[in-house]
N, C-alpha and C. Protein backbone atom coordinates (compact mmCIF):
# COMPACT_ATOMS: atom_id res chain seq x y z
N MET A 1 0.75 -1.65 -0.22
CA MET A 1 0.02 0.60 0.41
C MET A 1 0.97 1.34 0.24
N ARG A 2 0.06 2.66 -0.87
CA ARG A 2 1.43 3.62 -0.90
C ARG A 2 0.54 4.36 0.60
N SER A 3 2.07 5.12 0.87
CA SER A 3 2.03 5.29 2.12
C SER A 3 0.82 6.87 1.78
N PRO A 4 0.52 7.70 1.84
CA PRO A 4 0.04 9.12 1.52
C PRO A 4 0.65 10.80 2.12
N HIS A 5 1.60 9.71 2.38
CA HIS A 5 3.06 11.14 2.51
C HIS A 5 3.32 11.43 1.30
N ALA A 6 2.95 10.33 0.20
CA ALA A 6 4.35 10.29 -1.28
C ALA A 6 2.97 11.08 -2.09
N LEU A 7 1.96 11.50 -1.82
CA LEU A 7 1.53 12.82 -2.14
C LEU A 7 1.87 14.13 -2.18
N TRP A 8 2.82 14.21 -0.28
CA TRP A 8 2.69 15.72 -0.92
C TRP A 8 4.06 15.57 -2.30
N ALA A 9 4.45 14.27 -3.60
CA ALA A 9 5.89 14.35 -3.98
C ALA A 9 4.97 15.20 -5.24
N ALA A 10 3.46 15.08 -5.14
CA ALA A 10 2.69 15.60 -6.69
C ALA A 10 2.99 17.08 -6.54
N VAL A 11 3.03 17.65 -5.34
CA VAL A 11 2.50 18.76 -5.30
C VAL A 11 3.39 20.29 -6.72
N PRO A 12 4.64 19.16 -5.96
CA PRO A 12 5.41 20.41 -6.86
C PRO A 12 5.75 19.84 -8.17
N VAL A 13 4.81 18.95 -8.42
CA VAL A 13 4.80 17.92 -9.87
C VAL A 13 4.01 18.61 -10.57
N LEU A 14 1.94 18.11 -9.87
CA LEU A 14 1.51 19.75 -10.50
C LEU A 14 1.91 20.89 -10.08
N ALA A 15 2.41 21.34 -9.91
CA ALA A 15 2.79 23.39 -10.36
C ALA A 15 3.89 24.04 -11.75
N PHE A 16 4.80 22.32 -11.34
CA PHE A 16 6.02 22.66 -12.32
C PHE A 16 4.98 22.44 -14.41
N LEU A 17 3.56 21.38 -14.10
CA LEU A 17 3.68 20.94 -15.49
C LEU A 17 2.43 21.76 -15.11
N GLY A 18 1.63 22.66 -14.51
CA GLY A 18 0.99 23.91 -14.65
C GLY A 18 0.94 25.45 -15.14
N THR A 19 2.97 25.59 -15.41
CA THR A 19 3.33 26.21 -15.66
C THR A 19 2.59 27.78 -16.42
N PRO A 20 2.51 26.60 -17.40
CA PRO A 20 1.99 27.81 -19.27
C PRO A 20 1.63 27.10 -18.69
N PHE A 21 -0.39 27.32 -17.68
CA PHE A 21 -1.44 27.86 -18.07
C PHE A 21 -1.91 28.67 -17.05
N LEU A 22 -0.61 29.07 -16.05
CA LEU A 22 -0.89 30.08 -15.50
C LEU A 22 -0.71 31.22 -15.89
N PRO A 23 -2.05 32.21 -16.16
CA PRO A 23 -1.90 33.21 -16.09
C PRO A 23 -0.68 34.15 -15.58
N PHE A 24 -1.01 34.41 -14.45
CA PHE A 24 0.18 34.92 -13.45
C PHE A 24 1.43 34.57 -13.64
N VAL A 25 2.10 33.42 -14.20
CA VAL A 25 3.24 33.14 -13.85
C VAL A 25 3.46 32.90 -15.50
N ASN A 26 3.36 32.66 -16.90
CA ASN A 26 3.48 32.92 -17.81
C ASN A 26 3.23 34.33 -18.14
N GLY A 27 3.71 35.77 -17.93
CA GLY A 27 2.99 36.33 -17.96
C GLY A 27 4.01 37.59 -18.52
N PRO A 28 4.50 38.21 -18.97
CA PRO A 28 5.67 39.35 -19.23
C PRO A 28 5.06 40.20 -17.52
N HIS A 29 6.44 39.64 -16.75
CA HIS A 29 5.77 40.20 -15.63
C HIS A 29 7.19 39.96 -15.06
N LEU A 30 7.19 40.55 -13.77
CA LEU A 30 9.16 41.16 -13.20
C LEU A 30 8.36 40.73 -11.16
N TRP A 31 8.87 39.96 -11.07
CA TRP A 31 9.12 39.26 -9.14
C TRP A 31 9.95 38.86 -9.03
N PHE A 32 10.61 40.39 -8.11
CA PHE A 32 11.81 40.40 -7.74
C PHE A 32 12.57 41.05 -8.77
N GLY A 33 12.07 41.18 -9.18
CA GLY A 33 12.84 41.74 -10.84
C GLY A 33 13.71 40.84 -11.76
N LEU A 34 13.09 39.54 -12.09
CA LEU A 34 13.25 38.34 -12.07
C LEU A 34 11.73 38.62 -12.78
N PRO A 35 11.93 37.47 -13.88
CA PRO A 35 10.88 37.35 -14.58
C PRO A 35 9.82 35.91 -13.98
N SER A 36 8.75 36.33 -13.83
CA SER A 36 7.74 35.56 -12.29
C SER A 36 8.23 33.73 -13.58
N VAL A 37 8.90 33.64 -14.71
CA VAL A 37 8.31 31.87 -14.42
C VAL A 37 10.17 31.50 -14.32
N LEU A 38 10.35 31.88 -14.11
CA LEU A 38 12.26 31.87 -13.40
C LEU A 38 12.44 31.93 -11.69
N CYS A 39 11.04 33.20 -11.05
CA CYS A 39 10.53 32.70 -10.04
C CYS A 39 10.39 31.50 -9.23
N TRP A 40 8.77 31.50 -10.51
CA TRP A 40 7.96 29.87 -9.73
C TRP A 40 8.52 29.15 -9.97
N CYS A 41 10.25 29.38 -11.20
CA CYS A 41 10.36 27.92 -11.00
C CYS A 41 11.48 27.22 -9.58
N LEU A 42 11.84 28.75 -9.45
CA LEU A 42 12.96 29.06 -8.18
C LEU A 42 12.05 28.38 -6.60
N ILE A 43 10.82 29.35 -7.41
CA ILE A 43 10.02 28.42 -4.81
C ILE A 43 9.69 26.70 -5.32
N TRP A 44 9.07 26.31 -6.47
CA TRP A 44 8.44 25.23 -6.49
C TRP A 44 10.39 24.61 -6.75
N THR A 45 10.84 24.47 -6.91
CA THR A 45 12.91 23.67 -6.30
C THR A 45 12.52 23.67 -5.50
N VAL A 46 12.10 24.80 -4.47
CA VAL A 46 12.79 24.78 -2.69
C VAL A 46 12.00 23.93 -2.89
N GLY A 47 10.23 24.01 -3.07
CA GLY A 47 9.00 23.07 -2.76
C GLY A 47 9.19 22.05 -2.42
N THR A 48 10.09 20.77 -3.81
CA THR A 48 10.20 19.78 -4.41
C THR A 48 11.15 19.54 -3.75
N THR A 49 11.68 20.19 -2.91
CA THR A 49 12.55 19.93 -1.74
C THR A 49 11.89 19.48 -0.15
N ALA A 50 11.48 20.43 0.33
CA ALA A 50 10.32 20.42 1.21
C ALA A 50 9.03 19.30 0.76
N ALA A 51 8.88 18.78 -0.29
CA ALA A 51 8.60 18.31 -0.27
C ALA A 51 8.69 16.78 0.27
N LEU A 52 9.28 16.72 -0.59
CA LEU A 52 11.09 14.97 -0.66
C LEU A 52 11.56 14.52 1.36
N ALA A 53 11.34 15.75 1.40
CA ALA A 53 12.16 15.75 2.94
C ALA A 53 10.14 15.10 3.68
N LEU A 54 9.65 16.10 3.37
CA LEU A 54 8.16 15.70 3.75
C LEU A 54 8.11 13.61 3.78
N VAL A 55 8.85 13.71 2.53
CA VAL A 55 7.65 12.13 2.64
C VAL A 55 9.38 11.10 2.86
N ASP A 56 10.61 11.97 2.49
CA ASP A 56 11.43 11.30 3.36
C ASP A 56 10.87 10.80 5.18
N ARG A 57 10.26 11.54 5.28
CA ARG A 57 10.67 12.15 6.89
C ARG A 57 9.10 11.06 7.81
N GLY A 58 7.92 11.41 6.56
CA GLY A 58 7.02 10.32 6.45
C GLY A 58 7.57 8.81 6.66
N THR A 59 7.89 8.46 5.44
CA THR A 59 8.52 6.70 5.58
C THR A 59 9.61 6.96 6.25
N ARG A 60 9.85 7.40 6.97
CA ARG A 60 11.28 6.13 8.24
C ARG A 60 10.30 6.32 9.83
N SER A 61 8.99 6.71 9.82
CA SER A 61 8.15 7.19 10.81
C SER A 61 6.98 5.52 11.27
N THR A 62 6.80 4.79 9.42
CA THR A 62 6.55 4.46 9.50
C THR A 62 7.39 2.47 9.23
N VAL A 63 7.85 3.36 8.95
CA VAL A 63 9.22 2.03 8.01
C VAL A 63 9.70 1.16 9.46
N GLY A 64 10.33 2.20 9.96
CA GLY A 64 11.08 2.70 11.14
C GLY A 64 12.67 2.06 11.02
N TYR A 65 13.36 3.26 9.86
CA TYR A 65 14.72 3.34 9.02
C TYR A 65 15.21 3.36 11.47
N GLU A 66 15.20 3.90 11.92
CA GLU A 66 15.53 3.99 13.20
C GLU A 66 16.51 2.86 13.69
N ASP A 67 15.60 1.96 13.90
CA ASP A 67 15.85 1.59 14.28
C ASP A 67 16.88 -0.01 13.35
N GLU A 68 17.44 0.10 12.57
CA GLU A 68 18.17 -0.40 11.16
C GLU A 68 18.84 0.23 10.99
N GLU A 69 19.72 1.95 11.87
CA GLU A 69 20.87 2.45 11.41
C GLU A 69 21.03 2.23 13.10
N ALA A 70 20.37 2.52 13.84
CA ALA A 70 21.13 2.03 14.65
C ALA A 70 21.33 0.54 15.19
N ALA A 71 21.28 -0.31 14.61
CA ALA A 71 21.84 -2.13 14.85
C ALA A 71 22.90 -1.65 14.26
N ALA A 72 23.74 -1.16 12.62
CA ALA A 72 24.86 -0.78 11.96
C ALA A 72 26.19 0.36 12.40
C-alpha cells in the first residue's frame, strides 16, 4: 500500500506542469526583478525539496529505518 505522504511529492510536479497554463506566471511580469516564470520555478524547486523531505520523514517513521541505523 502506498503511503499517503507520497501525495506531497505530487504537489510540486503539478505546479511545474501547470506553469504554462497559469496566466499570473506565464506573462511579461517581473517578480523581485526577475521573470515570473524563473521565480516560480525557483520557488517550486525549494518546494520540491521540502516535499521530498516530508515524504522521507513520513516513510522513515512508518517503516522504522531508525532501528536499522541504530543496529548498524
